[in-house]
């Protein structure tokens, strides 16, 4: 199962962590894994290239884990309000898309939000 946790602060999405293999099909035939990989890179490229906003990402292939964050998606760190809303919106759009996918692939994908206020 792939578990995706989105990070949110003050109502603004600013990143996510994906962990695990979906297990929907064998490697090379797993359409869910391919969709997740493609959408993840779309979000990274939108924020970094199209919106010209810094994005940080770490990939740990041994743990099948990727973490993507952009502090520029938060009002306190953004240099440009339009870019801030665009970056946060890209993360929110990805969250919405994954929630739709999780309805069909609930045995292979889970999606949650972690608000900064929830972090102890």
Protein backbone atom coordinates (compact mmCIF):
# COMPACT_ATOMS: atom_id res chain seq x y z
CA UNK A 1 0.00 0.00 0.00
CA UNK A 2 1.10 3.55 -0.71
CA UNK A 3 0.40 6.00 2.08
CA UNK A 4 0.38 9.70 1.21
CA UNK A 5 0.42 12.29 3.98
CA UNK A 6 -0.11 15.91 3.00
CA UNK A 7 1.29 18.76 5.07
CA UNK A 8 -0.90 21.77 5.77
CA UNK A 9 -0.40 24.91 7.84
CA UNK A 10 -3.04 27.59 8.37
CA UNK A 11 -5.18 26.05 5.64
CA UNK A 12 -2.36 26.09 3.06
CA UNK A 13 -0.97 22.86 1.64
CA UNK A 14 2.83 22.94 1.40
CA UNK A 15 3.99 19.38 0.80
CA UNK A 16 3.50 15.66 1.13
CA UNK A 17 5.21 12.37 1.86
CA UNK A 18 4.56 9.17 -0.10
CA UNK A 19 5.65 5.87 1.39
CA UNK A 20 5.39 2.31 0.08
CA UNK A 21 4.60 0.44 -3.09
CA UNK A 22 0.96 0.24 -4.07
CA UNK A 23 1.05 -3.51 -4.75
CA UNK A 24 -1.77 -3.18 -7.26
CA UNK A 25 0.19 -5.20 -9.86
CA UNK A 26 3.68 -6.48 -10.60
CA UNK A 27 6.43 -3.96 -11.23
CA UNK A 28 6.15 -2.62 -14.75
CA UNK A 29 2.41 -3.36 -14.89
CA UNK A 30 1.28 -1.33 -11.87
CA UNK A 31 -0.87 1.44 -13.33
CA UNK A 32 -1.52 2.96 -9.89
CA UNK A 33 2.20 3.25 -9.20
CA UNK A 34 2.76 4.78 -12.62
CA UNK A 35 -0.04 7.30 -12.03
CA UNK A 36 1.35 8.31 -8.63
CA UNK A 37 4.88 8.70 -9.98
CA UNK A 38 3.69 10.78 -12.91
CA UNK A 39 1.47 13.04 -10.81
CA UNK A 40 4.21 13.52 -8.21
CA UNK A 41 6.67 14.73 -10.83
CA UNK A 42 3.97 16.93 -12.39
CA UNK A 43 3.47 18.72 -9.05
CA UNK A 44 7.24 19.11 -8.55
CA UNK A 45 7.73 20.49 -12.06
CA UNK A 46 4.71 22.81 -11.84
CA UNK A 47 5.98 24.38 -8.64
CA UNK A 48 9.66 24.50 -9.56
CA UNK A 49 9.55 25.33 -13.27
CA UNK A 50 6.15 26.81 -14.09
CA UNK A 51 5.67 28.79 -10.86
CA UNK A 52 9.42 29.42 -10.31
CA UNK A 53 9.10 28.58 -6.63
CA UNK A 54 11.61 26.58 -4.63
CA UNK A 55 10.67 22.99 -3.98
CA UNK A 56 12.62 20.47 -1.96
CA UNK A 57 12.34 16.75 -2.46
CA UNK A 58 14.06 13.73 -1.00
CA UNK A 59 13.85 10.29 -2.52
CA UNK A 60 14.73 7.17 -0.52
CA UNK A 61 14.47 4.27 -2.94
CA UNK A 62 15.32 1.70 -0.24
CA UNK A 63 12.26 2.74 1.76
CA UNK A 64 10.10 3.58 -1.29
CA UNK A 65 9.66 7.07 0.14
CA UNK A 66 9.54 10.55 -1.36
CA UNK A 67 9.05 13.78 0.55
CA UNK A 68 8.19 16.98 -1.31
CA UNK A 69 7.86 20.40 0.35
CA UNK A 70 7.74 24.02 -0.73
CA UNK A 71 7.82 26.67 1.96
CA UNK A 72 6.98 29.15 -0.80
CA UNK A 73 3.45 27.72 -0.63
CA UNK A 74 3.08 29.33 2.82
CA UNK A 75 2.28 33.03 3.31
CA UNK A 76 5.10 33.59 5.83
CA UNK A 77 7.76 32.42 3.36
CA UNK A 78 6.37 33.46 -0.01
CA UNK A 79 7.95 36.29 -1.93
CA UNK A 80 5.03 36.46 -4.37
CA UNK A 81 1.43 35.96 -3.24
CA UNK A 82 0.29 34.66 -6.64
CA UNK A 83 3.06 32.06 -6.71
CA UNK A 84 2.27 31.13 -3.11
CA UNK A 85 -1.37 30.45 -3.95
CA UNK A 86 -0.38 28.58 -7.12
CA UNK A 87 2.07 26.31 -5.27
CA UNK A 88 -0.36 25.59 -2.44
CA UNK A 89 -3.09 25.00 -5.01
CA UNK A 90 -0.93 22.47 -6.85
CA UNK A 91 -0.51 20.48 -3.63
CA UNK A 92 -4.25 20.79 -2.89
CA UNK A 93 -5.12 19.64 -6.42
CA UNK A 94 -2.89 16.60 -5.98
CA UNK A 95 -4.57 15.85 -2.65
CA UNK A 96 -8.03 16.05 -4.27
CA UNK A 97 -6.96 13.79 -7.14
CA UNK A 98 -5.52 11.19 -4.77
CA UNK A 99 -8.68 11.23 -2.66
CA UNK A 100 -10.63 10.39 -5.82
CA UNK A 101 -8.20 7.56 -6.65
CA UNK A 102 -8.34 6.23 -3.09
CA UNK A 103 -12.10 5.71 -3.44
CA UNK A 104 -11.44 3.15 -6.17
CA UNK A 105 -8.06 1.80 -5.00
CA UNK A 106 -8.72 1.84 -1.23
CA UNK A 107 -6.79 -1.42 -0.70
CA UNK A 108 -3.70 0.08 -2.32
CA UNK A 109 -3.75 3.81 -1.50
CA UNK A 110 -4.43 5.84 1.63
CA UNK A 111 -4.44 9.62 1.84
CA UNK A 112 -4.40 11.85 4.92
CA UNK A 113 -3.64 15.40 5.99
CA UNK A 114 -1.30 16.33 8.80
CA UNK A 115 -1.88 19.87 10.03
CA UNK A 116 1.10 21.49 11.70
CA UNK A 117 -1.10 22.01 14.75
CA UNK A 118 -1.37 18.20 14.99
CA UNK A 119 2.41 17.71 15.13
CA UNK A 120 3.63 17.30 18.69
